[in-house]
Amino acid sequence: MSDLCFTPARELAGLIRRREVSCVEVLDAHLTQIDAVNPKVNAIVTRTDDAARREAAALDNRLARGESVGLLAGLPVAHKDLAPTKGVRTTFGSPLFQDFVPDADALFVERIKAADAITVGKTNTPEFGAGSQTFNQVFGATLNPWDTSRTCGGSSGGAAVALACGMVPIADGTDLGGSLRNPASFCNVVGFRSSPGTVPAWPAVNAWFPLAITGPMARSVSDAAFFLAAMAGPDPRAPQSLHLPPDRFLQLLERDFRGARIAWSRSMGGLPMEPEVTRVLDGAMPALRSLGCEVEEADPDLHDADEVFEVLRAWYFEAAHGENYRKHRAKLKQTVIWNIEEGLRLTGPQVGRAELKRTQLFHRMARFFERYDYLVCPVVQVLPFDVRTEYPMEIDGHSLGSYIEWMKSCYLISATTLPALSVPAGFSVGGLPVGLQIVGRWQDDFGVLQLGHAFEEAAGASRRVPPAAVR
């Protein structure tokens, strides 16, 4: 492996800006890593090598002339295959779109390009992002770099694997029910579900939908914050945009956490958990205490979050994919069909009741955070499972009712619309990663990143390289 492939993104950007290393050198190192490692794990599914080389050479010429460049200048990046990318095949993981080439970029892709990052390809995702197991009929499955017989999670699974394996230093992802956080936990990287509107959504089926967000993935919290600075900020095309200065995320993350009140929710009010997940996370609590945090076991009241999420998700899936269902039902995977049909069965009062309960949930969480500064809880209820298994049917002897029920530890938090971070916390006895979920107050994205950074430094779990990354 080239050291450049595992140099932190912030540091690498500085080296490029000071011309201590060229954009071409950085790109070549990462393309060599992709050539060697991607066949083992199937993370990057469409490549743009020729265009990337032209961009790298042009950036080097601009730097040589002393011209100003963007924040991410010269950093290789891969975009999730749910994101429209101008002139580059974008399949959404579906055979219906296996040859689709958009004529415009998603808003956040526009911003990443404007920051002079270099696109090297697209990362794998399940069909339409449905499910936290990354496989589809177009490209097949993406494998976990810590054990290639297991899943990497999803739906930003290709992004998480590409990061863990040193194929890119930063990668974007999306998160409705855990799609940034689950694969980050399974692959020992960082995934940040920012507050809705931190990264504006365009194009969007429903511009006011509160649950689906775009956010950064990286190998460290610092790099995730750095990447977020290029993605954040308002846009008139996105009515949920938050009017916050993106430079906020470039500020130092260091902070004194002595006396910070932390609620540790071991099972989030009684969710079934694999004992090994609980053991690893219990073992991570001393890292928080070493920062001076006051850690107390406490569960938030999430009793309606399940209904809120399931109703709004079903409503969204029917709105977004109902036309494909009516025209091409036989070509869709079963779980996509199930989501759409759940939406078709909804009544107006059901949706209205879910919105009322979402409001009540929001206010209960606000009261919870009057006592606590942060909530920490499991990201995922299970360890990475066999990649041949589409989804777990039971956890620790408890039967599950649907293909997303094993993801409750993430999607219950999605229903609150609070910012949430997955940060590496440790490893199972068998060497599989486990992430800790850090949840903050309403729109306290920077505060969540600060605690995540401090915990990451104290826990030290993010410093290992997965076996699949070694050439």
Protein backbone atom coordinates (compact mmCIF):
# COMPACT_ATOMS: atom_id res chain seq x y z
CA MET A 1 0.00 0.00 0.00
CA SER A 2 1.06 3.57 -0.62
CA ASP A 3 1.15 5.73 2.51
CA LEU A 4 -0.84 8.28 0.51
CA CYS A 5 -3.82 5.91 0.52
CA PHE A 6 -4.13 6.09 4.29
CA THR A 7 -3.03 9.68 4.84
CA PRO A 8 -5.88 11.62 6.52
CA ALA A 9 -7.87 13.71 4.07
CA ARG A 10 -7.14 17.02 5.83
CA GLU A 11 -3.42 16.28 5.84
CA LEU A 12 -3.45 15.08 2.23
CA ALA A 13 -5.23 18.25 1.10
CA GLY A 14 -2.55 20.31 2.83
CA LEU A 15 0.26 18.39 1.17
CA ILE A 16 -1.35 18.99 -2.22
CA ARG A 17 -1.97 22.68 -1.57
CA ARG A 18 1.68 23.17 -0.51
CA ARG A 19 2.77 21.17 -3.60
CA GLU A 20 4.64 18.64 -1.48
CA VAL A 21 2.86 15.97 -3.48
CA SER A 22 1.08 16.34 -6.82
CA CYS A 23 -2.56 15.62 -7.59
CA VAL A 24 -1.37 13.11 -10.21
CA GLU A 25 0.74 11.25 -7.63
CA VAL A 26 -2.16 11.10 -5.19
CA LEU A 27 -4.57 9.91 -7.87
CA ASP A 28 -2.16 7.27 -9.19
CA ALA A 29 -1.64 5.87 -5.69
CA HIS A 30 -5.39 5.52 -5.17
CA LEU A 31 -6.05 4.06 -8.63
CA THR A 32 -3.33 1.48 -7.98
CA GLN A 33 -5.01 0.61 -4.68
CA ILE A 34 -8.37 0.30 -6.44
CA ASP A 35 -6.85 -1.98 -9.08
CA ALA A 36 -5.38 -4.25 -6.42
CA VAL A 37 -8.12 -4.29 -3.78
CA ASN A 38 -11.46 -3.59 -5.42
CA PRO A 39 -11.66 -7.04 -7.10
CA LYS A 40 -11.65 -8.55 -3.59
CA VAL A 41 -14.53 -6.46 -2.24
CA ASN A 42 -16.53 -4.94 -5.16
CA ALA A 43 -16.91 -1.48 -3.63
CA ILE A 44 -16.40 0.81 -6.65
CA VAL A 45 -18.67 -0.33 -9.46
CA THR A 46 -18.19 2.34 -12.16
CA ARG A 47 -14.80 3.97 -12.73
CA THR A 48 -13.83 7.27 -14.31
CA ASP A 49 -10.05 6.89 -14.53
CA ASP A 50 -9.46 8.85 -17.75
CA ALA A 51 -11.51 11.86 -16.67
CA ALA A 52 -9.88 11.73 -13.23
CA ARG A 53 -6.39 11.82 -14.75
CA ARG A 54 -7.30 14.85 -16.86
CA GLU A 55 -8.68 16.64 -13.78
CA ALA A 56 -5.59 15.83 -11.71
CA ALA A 57 -3.23 17.15 -14.38
CA ALA A 58 -5.30 20.32 -14.77
CA LEU A 59 -5.28 20.91 -11.02
CA ASP A 60 -1.50 20.50 -10.89
CA ASN A 61 -1.19 23.13 -13.62
CA ARG A 62 -3.44 25.52 -11.69
CA LEU A 63 -1.38 25.02 -8.54
CA ALA A 64 1.85 25.58 -10.46
CA ARG A 65 0.46 28.91 -11.72
CA GLY A 66 -0.41 29.94 -8.17
CA GLU A 67 -4.15 29.92 -8.79
CA SER A 68 -6.58 29.39 -5.96
CA VAL A 69 -8.15 25.93 -5.64
CA GLY A 70 -11.06 24.47 -3.72
CA LEU A 71 -11.09 23.01 -0.22
CA LEU A 72 -10.90 19.39 -1.44
CA ALA A 73 -8.45 20.02 -4.29
CA GLY A 74 -6.87 16.80 -5.54
CA LEU A 75 -8.66 14.44 -3.15
CA PRO A 76 -10.06 11.35 -4.89
CA VAL A 77 -13.74 10.79 -4.10
CA ALA A 78 -16.32 8.21 -5.13
CA HIS A 79 -20.03 9.04 -5.23
CA LYS A 80 -22.74 6.68 -4.05
CA ASP A 81 -24.61 5.14 -6.98
CA LEU A 82 -27.86 6.74 -5.80
CA ALA A 83 -26.46 10.21 -6.60
CA PRO A 84 -26.97 11.56 -10.11
CA THR A 85 -23.56 12.36 -11.62
CA LYS A 86 -23.41 14.22 -14.90
CA GLY A 87 -22.06 12.10 -17.74
CA VAL A 88 -21.36 9.09 -15.50
CA ARG A 89 -23.48 5.95 -15.36
CA THR A 90 -25.80 6.06 -12.33
CA THR A 91 -27.81 2.86 -11.83
CA PHE A 92 -29.46 3.34 -8.40
CA GLY A 93 -28.55 -0.35 -8.01
CA SER A 94 -31.47 -1.26 -10.29
CA PRO A 95 -31.58 -3.14 -13.60
CA LEU A 96 -34.16 -0.56 -14.68
CA PHE A 97 -31.37 2.04 -14.76
CA GLN A 98 -28.29 -0.07 -15.52
CA ASP A 99 -27.40 2.08 -18.56
CA PHE A 100 -28.71 5.44 -17.28
CA VAL A 101 -26.38 8.44 -17.66
CA PRO A 102 -27.67 11.66 -16.01
CA ASP A 103 -27.27 15.06 -17.66
CA ALA A 104 -26.92 16.89 -14.33
CA ASP A 105 -25.27 16.41 -10.95
CA ALA A 106 -26.99 16.17 -7.59
CA LEU A 107 -26.49 19.37 -5.61
CA PHE A 108 -23.97 17.86 -3.22
CA VAL A 109 -22.00 16.38 -6.13
CA GLU A 110 -21.91 19.87 -7.68
CA ARG A 111 -20.40 21.17 -4.44
CA ILE A 112 -17.83 18.40 -4.15
CA LYS A 113 -16.72 19.05 -7.73
CA ALA A 114 -16.66 22.81 -7.11
CA ALA A 115 -14.32 22.11 -4.18
CA ASP A 116 -11.98 20.46 -6.74
CA ALA A 117 -12.22 16.88 -5.49
CA ILE A 118 -11.53 14.35 -8.24
CA THR A 119 -14.26 11.82 -9.00
CA VAL A 120 -12.86 8.31 -9.47
CA GLY A 121 -16.16 6.42 -9.74
CA LYS A 122 -19.40 5.30 -8.15
CA THR A 123 -19.83 3.13 -5.05
CA ASN A 124 -22.19 0.17 -4.79
CA THR A 125 -25.60 0.33 -3.13
CA PRO A 126 -28.65 -1.94 -2.83
CA GLU A 127 -31.50 -1.29 -5.26
CA PHE A 128 -32.86 2.23 -4.58
CA GLY A 129 -31.00 2.12 -1.26
CA ALA A 130 -33.50 -0.33 0.21
CA GLY A 131 -31.93 -2.31 3.03
CA SER A 132 -28.67 -2.36 4.91
CA GLN A 133 -27.09 -5.15 2.89
CA THR A 134 -25.25 -3.94 -0.21
CA PHE A 135 -26.07 -6.14 -3.20
CA ASN A 136 -28.01 -5.74 -6.43
CA GLN A 137 -28.69 -7.45 -9.75
CA VAL A 138 -26.46 -5.04 -11.66
CA PHE A 139 -23.16 -5.37 -9.79
CA GLY A 140 -23.59 -8.11 -7.18
CA ALA A 141 -22.59 -7.85 -3.52
CA THR A 142 -20.00 -5.69 -1.79
CA LEU A 143 -17.97 -7.62 0.78
CA ASN A 144 -16.79 -6.67 4.23
CA PRO A 145 -13.02 -5.94 4.20
CA TRP A 146 -12.60 -7.36 7.70
CA ASP A 147 -14.11 -10.71 6.65
CA THR A 148 -15.12 -11.05 3.00
CA SER A 149 -17.63 -13.78 3.83
CA ARG A 150 -19.75 -11.13 5.58
CA THR A 151 -21.79 -8.11 4.58
CA CYS A 152 -20.48 -4.57 4.75
CA GLY A 153 -23.93 -3.23 5.64
CA GLY A 154 -25.61 -0.53 3.58
CA SER A 155 -26.97 1.20 1.81
CA SER A 156 -23.73 3.23 1.64
CA GLY A 157 -21.82 -0.05 1.77
CA GLY A 158 -19.59 0.54 -1.23
CA ALA A 159 -18.56 3.90 0.20
CA ALA A 160 -17.66 2.43 3.60
CA VAL A 161 -15.59 -0.37 2.06
CA ALA A 162 -13.77 1.96 -0.34
CA LEU A 163 -12.79 4.14 2.62
CA ALA A 164 -11.74 1.27 4.87
CA CYS A 165 -9.56 -0.15 2.09
CA GLY A 166 -7.75 3.10 1.24
CA MET A 167 -9.32 3.41 -2.21
CA VAL A 168 -10.55 6.95 -1.40
CA PRO A 169 -9.95 9.29 1.56
CA ILE A 170 -13.54 10.62 1.58
CA ALA A 171 -16.87 9.32 0.26
CA ASP A 172 -20.43 10.58 0.29
CA GLY A 173 -23.46 8.59 1.38
CA THR A 174 -27.13 8.89 2.20
CA ASP A 175 -29.10 7.90 5.27
CA LEU A 176 -32.82 7.31 5.69
CA GLY A 177 -32.88 4.52 8.24
CA GLY A 178 -29.18 4.02 8.95
CA SER A 179 -27.48 3.92 5.57
CA LEU A 180 -24.50 6.03 6.63
CA ARG A 181 -24.22 4.65 10.15
CA ASN A 182 -24.72 0.89 9.67
CA PRO A 183 -21.98 0.38 7.06
CA ALA A 184 -19.65 2.68 8.98
CA SER A 185 -20.10 0.45 12.03
CA PHE A 186 -19.62 -2.75 10.02
CA CYS A 187 -16.46 -1.44 8.29
CA ASN A 188 -14.77 0.54 11.11
CA VAL A 189 -15.11 3.97 9.51
CA VAL A 190 -17.08 7.11 10.34
CA GLY A 191 -20.55 7.91 9.01
CA PHE A 192 -22.37 11.10 9.98
CA ARG A 193 -26.13 11.53 9.70
CA SER A 194 -26.23 15.32 9.78
CA SER A 195 -29.37 17.27 10.62
CA PRO A 196 -31.88 17.49 7.76
CA GLY A 197 -30.95 20.52 5.68
CA THR A 198 -27.29 20.67 6.71
CA VAL A 199 -26.54 19.23 3.27
CA PRO A 200 -29.37 20.43 1.02
CA ALA A 201 -31.20 17.81 -1.01
CA TRP A 202 -31.71 18.38 -4.73
CA PRO A 203 -33.11 16.82 -6.82
CA ALA A 204 -35.70 15.46 -4.39
CA VAL A 205 -39.00 13.65 -4.84
CA ASN A 206 -40.35 15.53 -1.83
CA ALA A 207 -38.25 18.52 -0.86
CA TRP A 208 -39.79 18.60 2.65
CA PHE A 209 -39.26 14.90 3.49
CA PRO A 210 -37.46 14.97 6.87
CA LEU A 211 -35.89 11.53 7.07
CA ALA A 212 -33.64 11.14 4.00
CA ILE A 213 -30.34 13.03 4.27
CA THR A 214 -26.94 13.13 2.58
CA GLY A 215 -23.78 13.20 4.63
CA PRO A 216 -20.06 12.51 4.79
CA MET A 217 -18.12 9.32 5.38
CA ALA A 218 -14.42 9.22 6.23
CA ARG A 219 -11.84 7.27 8.19
CA SER A 220 -11.86 9.82 11.01
CA VAL A 221 -14.29 12.28 12.54
CA SER A 222 -11.96 15.15 11.70
CA ASP A 223 -12.01 14.19 8.01
CA ALA A 224 -15.80 13.80 8.08
CA ALA A 225 -16.11 17.36 9.43
CA PHE A 226 -13.65 18.61 6.80
CA PHE A 227 -15.66 16.97 4.03
CA LEU A 228 -18.93 18.30 5.45
CA ALA A 229 -17.60 21.85 5.15
CA ALA A 230 -17.60 21.40 1.37
CA MET A 231 -21.11 19.90 1.29
CA ALA A 232 -23.01 22.10 3.75
CA GLY A 233 -24.77 25.44 3.36
CA PRO A 234 -28.14 26.65 2.04
CA ASP A 235 -29.37 26.47 -1.54
CA PRO A 236 -32.56 28.04 -2.96
CA ARG A 237 -33.52 24.75 -4.64
CA ALA A 238 -33.81 23.01 -1.27
CA PRO A 239 -36.43 24.55 1.06
CA GLN A 240 -35.20 22.61 4.11
CA SER A 241 -31.72 24.15 3.81
CA LEU A 242 -30.18 25.24 7.09
CA HIS A 243 -28.64 28.70 6.97
CA LEU A 244 -25.42 27.86 8.75
CA PRO A 245 -21.86 28.79 7.74
CA PRO A 246 -20.08 25.74 6.28
CA ASP A 247 -16.76 27.03 7.69
CA ARG A 248 -18.11 26.06 11.10
CA PHE A 249 -17.02 22.50 10.33
CA LEU A 250 -13.42 23.61 9.73
CA GLN A 251 -13.02 24.84 13.29
CA LEU A 252 -11.02 22.82 15.80
CA LEU A 253 -12.95 19.87 17.19
CA GLU A 254 -10.99 19.78 20.44
CA ARG A 255 -13.11 20.54 23.50
CA ASP A 256 -13.07 19.97 27.24
CA PHE A 257 -15.73 17.37 28.05
CA ARG A 258 -15.29 17.34 31.79
CA GLY A 259 -18.74 17.29 33.34
CA ALA A 260 -20.57 16.54 30.10
CA ARG A 261 -23.66 14.44 30.87
CA ILE A 262 -23.90 11.31 28.74
CA ALA A 263 -26.90 8.97 28.63
CA TRP A 264 -25.75 5.43 27.80
CA SER A 265 -28.68 3.46 26.38
CA ARG A 266 -27.44 -0.11 26.21
CA SER A 267 -30.50 -1.58 24.44
CA MET A 268 -32.49 1.59 23.61
CA GLY A 269 -35.34 0.55 25.83
CA GLY A 270 -35.29 -3.20 25.29
CA LEU A 271 -34.30 -3.89 21.67
CA PRO A 272 -32.82 -7.36 21.13
CA MET A 273 -29.03 -7.14 20.92
CA GLU A 274 -26.31 -9.64 20.09
CA PRO A 275 -24.41 -10.08 23.36
CA GLU A 276 -21.06 -9.46 21.66
CA VAL A 277 -22.20 -6.03 20.46
CA THR A 278 -23.21 -5.12 24.01
CA ARG A 279 -19.91 -6.44 25.40
CA VAL A 280 -17.84 -4.31 23.01
CA LEU A 281 -19.85 -1.16 23.68
CA ASP A 282 -19.82 -1.66 27.45
CA GLY A 283 -16.06 -1.87 27.06
CA ALA A 284 -16.02 1.51 25.30
CA MET A 285 -17.62 3.42 28.18
CA PRO A 286 -14.31 3.88 30.06
CA ALA A 287 -13.05 5.88 27.05
CA LEU A 288 -15.89 8.36 27.57
CA ARG A 289 -15.27 8.49 31.30
CA SER A 290 -11.57 9.12 30.67
CA LEU A 291 -12.61 12.36 28.95
CA GLY A 292 -14.31 13.48 32.15
CA CYS A 293 -17.82 12.69 30.96
CA GLU A 294 -20.46 11.70 33.49
CA VAL A 295 -21.93 8.52 31.99
CA GLU A 296 -25.31 7.38 33.29
CA GLU A 297 -27.49 4.53 32.01
CA ALA A 298 -30.74 6.01 30.67
CA ASP A 299 -33.17 5.26 27.84
CA PRO A 300 -35.03 7.95 25.88
CA ASP A 301 -38.77 7.48 25.35
CA LEU A 302 -38.93 6.26 21.74
CA HIS A 303 -42.24 4.41 22.01
CA ASP A 304 -43.84 5.86 18.84
CA ALA A 305 -40.66 6.21 16.77
CA ASP A 306 -41.22 2.80 15.17
CA GLU A 307 -44.64 3.77 13.79
CA VAL A 308 -43.42 7.19 12.70
CA PHE A 309 -40.52 5.77 10.73
CA GLU A 310 -42.35 2.86 9.13
CA VAL A 311 -45.32 4.97 7.99
CA LEU A 312 -43.23 7.83 6.59
CA ARG A 313 -40.78 5.46 4.92
CA ALA A 314 -43.60 3.54 3.22
CA TRP A 315 -45.25 6.80 2.12
CA TYR A 316 -41.92 7.99 0.69
CA PHE A 317 -41.19 4.75 -1.16
CA GLU A 318 -44.55 4.76 -2.89
CA ALA A 319 -44.13 8.41 -3.86
CA ALA A 320 -40.59 7.89 -5.14
CA HIS A 321 -40.93 4.49 -6.82
CA GLY A 322 -44.65 3.90 -7.39
CA GLU A 323 -44.38 4.55 -11.12
CA ASN A 324 -41.60 1.97 -11.50
CA TYR A 325 -43.75 -0.46 -9.52
CA ARG A 326 -46.73 0.03 -11.82
CA LYS A 327 -44.69 -0.38 -14.99
CA HIS A 328 -41.92 -2.82 -14.01
CA ARG A 329 -42.98 -4.65 -10.84
CA ALA A 330 -41.45 -7.97 -11.95
CA LYS A 331 -38.00 -6.36 -12.28
CA LEU A 332 -37.87 -4.95 -8.74
CA LYS A 333 -36.44 -6.79 -5.77
CA GLN A 334 -38.96 -8.11 -3.28
CA THR A 335 -38.11 -5.73 -0.46
CA VAL A 336 -38.58 -2.70 -2.74
CA ILE A 337 -41.97 -4.12 -3.76
CA TRP A 338 -42.87 -4.62 -0.08
CA ASN A 339 -41.98 -1.02 0.77
CA ILE A 340 -44.07 0.36 -2.08
CA GLU A 341 -47.05 -1.86 -1.28
CA GLU A 342 -46.90 -0.79 2.35
CA GLY A 343 -47.18 2.77 1.05
CA LEU A 344 -50.12 1.90 -1.19
CA ARG A 345 -52.02 0.55 1.83
CA LEU A 346 -51.64 3.73 3.85
CA THR A 347 -54.59 6.00 4.52
CA GLY A 348 -54.53 9.74 5.02
CA PRO A 349 -55.32 9.46 8.74
CA GLN A 350 -52.43 7.01 9.21
CA VAL A 351 -49.99 9.50 7.72
CA GLY A 352 -51.53 12.31 9.74
CA ARG A 353 -51.24 10.31 12.96
CA ALA A 354 -47.59 9.54 12.21
CA GLU A 355 -46.87 13.24 11.78
CA LEU A 356 -48.60 14.05 15.08
CA LYS A 357 -46.58 11.36 16.84
CA ARG A 358 -43.38 12.63 15.22
CA THR A 359 -44.05 16.04 16.74
CA GLN A 360 -44.63 14.47 20.17
CA LEU A 361 -41.44 12.40 19.77
CA PHE A 362 -39.46 15.53 18.94
CA HIS A 363 -40.63 17.27 22.12
CA ARG A 364 -39.96 14.20 24.31
CA MET A 365 -36.40 14.09 22.97
CA ALA A 366 -36.01 17.82 23.66
CA ARG A 367 -36.98 17.19 27.29
CA PHE A 368 -34.55 14.25 27.46
CA PHE A 369 -31.76 16.54 26.30
CA GLU A 370 -32.56 19.04 29.01
CA ARG A 371 -30.95 16.52 31.38
CA TYR A 372 -28.29 15.05 29.09
CA ASP A 373 -25.84 16.63 26.67
CA TYR A 374 -25.58 13.51 24.50
CA LEU A 375 -27.15 10.11 24.00
CA VAL A 376 -24.82 7.21 23.17
CA CYS A 377 -26.23 3.88 22.03
CA PRO A 378 -25.56 0.99 19.65
CA VAL A 379 -25.34 1.72 15.94
CA VAL A 380 -26.35 -1.80 14.96
CA GLN A 381 -27.91 -4.60 16.98
CA VAL A 382 -25.87 -7.34 15.29
CA LEU A 383 -22.36 -8.04 14.08
CA PRO A 384 -21.71 -8.16 10.32
CA PHE A 385 -23.57 -11.27 9.11
CA ASP A 386 -23.14 -13.76 6.27
CA VAL A 387 -23.21 -11.90 2.94
CA ARG A 388 -25.43 -14.65 1.50
CA THR A 389 -28.13 -13.71 4.03
CA GLU A 390 -30.26 -10.84 2.76
CA TYR A 391 -31.22 -9.76 6.29
CA PRO A 392 -31.33 -11.26 9.81
CA MET A 393 -34.53 -13.05 10.81
CA GLU A 394 -33.72 -13.16 14.52
CA ILE A 395 -31.47 -11.54 17.11
CA ASP A 396 -30.37 -13.48 20.18
CA GLY A 397 -33.40 -15.76 19.91
CA HIS A 398 -35.92 -12.96 19.18
CA SER A 399 -37.78 -13.37 15.88
CA LEU A 400 -38.01 -10.31 13.63
CA GLY A 401 -41.05 -9.26 11.63
CA SER A 402 -39.60 -7.44 8.60
CA TYR A 403 -36.41 -6.96 6.62
CA ILE A 404 -35.64 -3.66 8.36
CA GLU A 405 -36.47 -4.62 11.94
CA TRP A 406 -32.85 -5.49 12.75
CA MET A 407 -31.99 -1.83 11.98
CA LYS A 408 -34.19 -0.30 14.69
CA SER A 409 -31.24 1.02 16.69
CA CYS A 410 -30.58 3.34 13.75
CA TYR A 411 -33.99 4.07 12.31
CA LEU A 412 -35.58 4.98 15.66
CA ILE A 413 -33.00 7.78 15.81
CA SER A 414 -33.78 8.78 12.21
CA ALA A 415 -37.38 9.38 13.29
CA THR A 416 -36.19 12.00 15.81
CA THR A 417 -34.34 13.99 13.05
CA LEU A 418 -31.45 14.54 15.50
CA PRO A 419 -27.83 14.44 14.30
CA ALA A 420 -26.17 11.06 14.81
CA LEU A 421 -22.64 9.79 14.28
CA SER A 422 -21.26 6.28 13.94
CA VAL A 423 -17.69 6.13 15.24
CA PRO A 424 -15.46 3.03 15.66
CA ALA A 425 -15.67 1.66 19.20
CA GLY A 426 -13.89 -1.69 19.16
CA PHE A 427 -13.87 -5.23 17.81
CA SER A 428 -15.60 -8.48 18.59
CA VAL A 429 -13.70 -11.52 19.76
CA GLY A 430 -13.72 -12.65 16.11
CA GLY A 431 -12.22 -9.36 14.88
CA LEU A 432 -15.37 -7.70 13.51
CA PRO A 433 -15.88 -3.95 14.00
CA VAL A 434 -18.53 -2.43 16.25
CA GLY A 435 -19.49 1.25 16.14
CA LEU A 436 -20.87 3.57 18.81
CA GLN A 437 -23.75 5.89 17.90
CA ILE A 438 -23.50 9.42 19.30
CA VAL A 439 -26.74 11.46 19.16
CA GLY A 440 -26.90 15.15 19.91
CA ARG A 441 -29.41 17.89 20.53
CA TRP A 442 -31.47 19.36 17.70
CA GLN A 443 -29.13 20.76 15.02
CA ASP A 444 -26.04 20.41 17.24
CA ASP A 445 -24.09 18.78 14.42
CA PHE A 446 -20.78 20.34 15.45
CA GLY A 447 -21.18 19.24 19.06
CA VAL A 448 -21.74 15.64 17.95
CA LEU A 449 -18.59 15.78 15.83
CA GLN A 450 -16.66 17.18 18.79
CA LEU A 451 -17.62 14.32 21.10
CA GLY A 452 -17.04 11.81 18.32
CA HIS A 453 -13.54 13.19 17.76
CA ALA A 454 -12.70 13.05 21.46
CA PHE A 455 -14.07 9.52 21.83
CA GLU A 456 -12.22 8.35 18.72
CA GLU A 457 -8.93 9.59 20.14
CA ALA A 458 -9.59 7.94 23.50
CA ALA A 459 -10.86 4.61 22.16
CA GLY A 460 -8.25 4.19 19.41
CA ALA A 461 -10.31 1.67 17.45
CA SER A 462 -10.11 3.50 14.12
CA ARG A 463 -6.36 3.03 13.63
CA ARG A 464 -6.44 -0.52 12.25
CA VAL A 465 -6.38 -1.47 8.56
CA PRO A 466 -8.62 -4.31 7.37
CA PRO A 467 -7.03 -7.47 5.92
CA ALA A 468 -8.60 -6.96 2.47
CA ALA A 469 -6.80 -3.60 2.09
CA VAL A 470 -3.36 -5.21 2.12
CA ARG A 471 -2.05 -5.87 -1.36
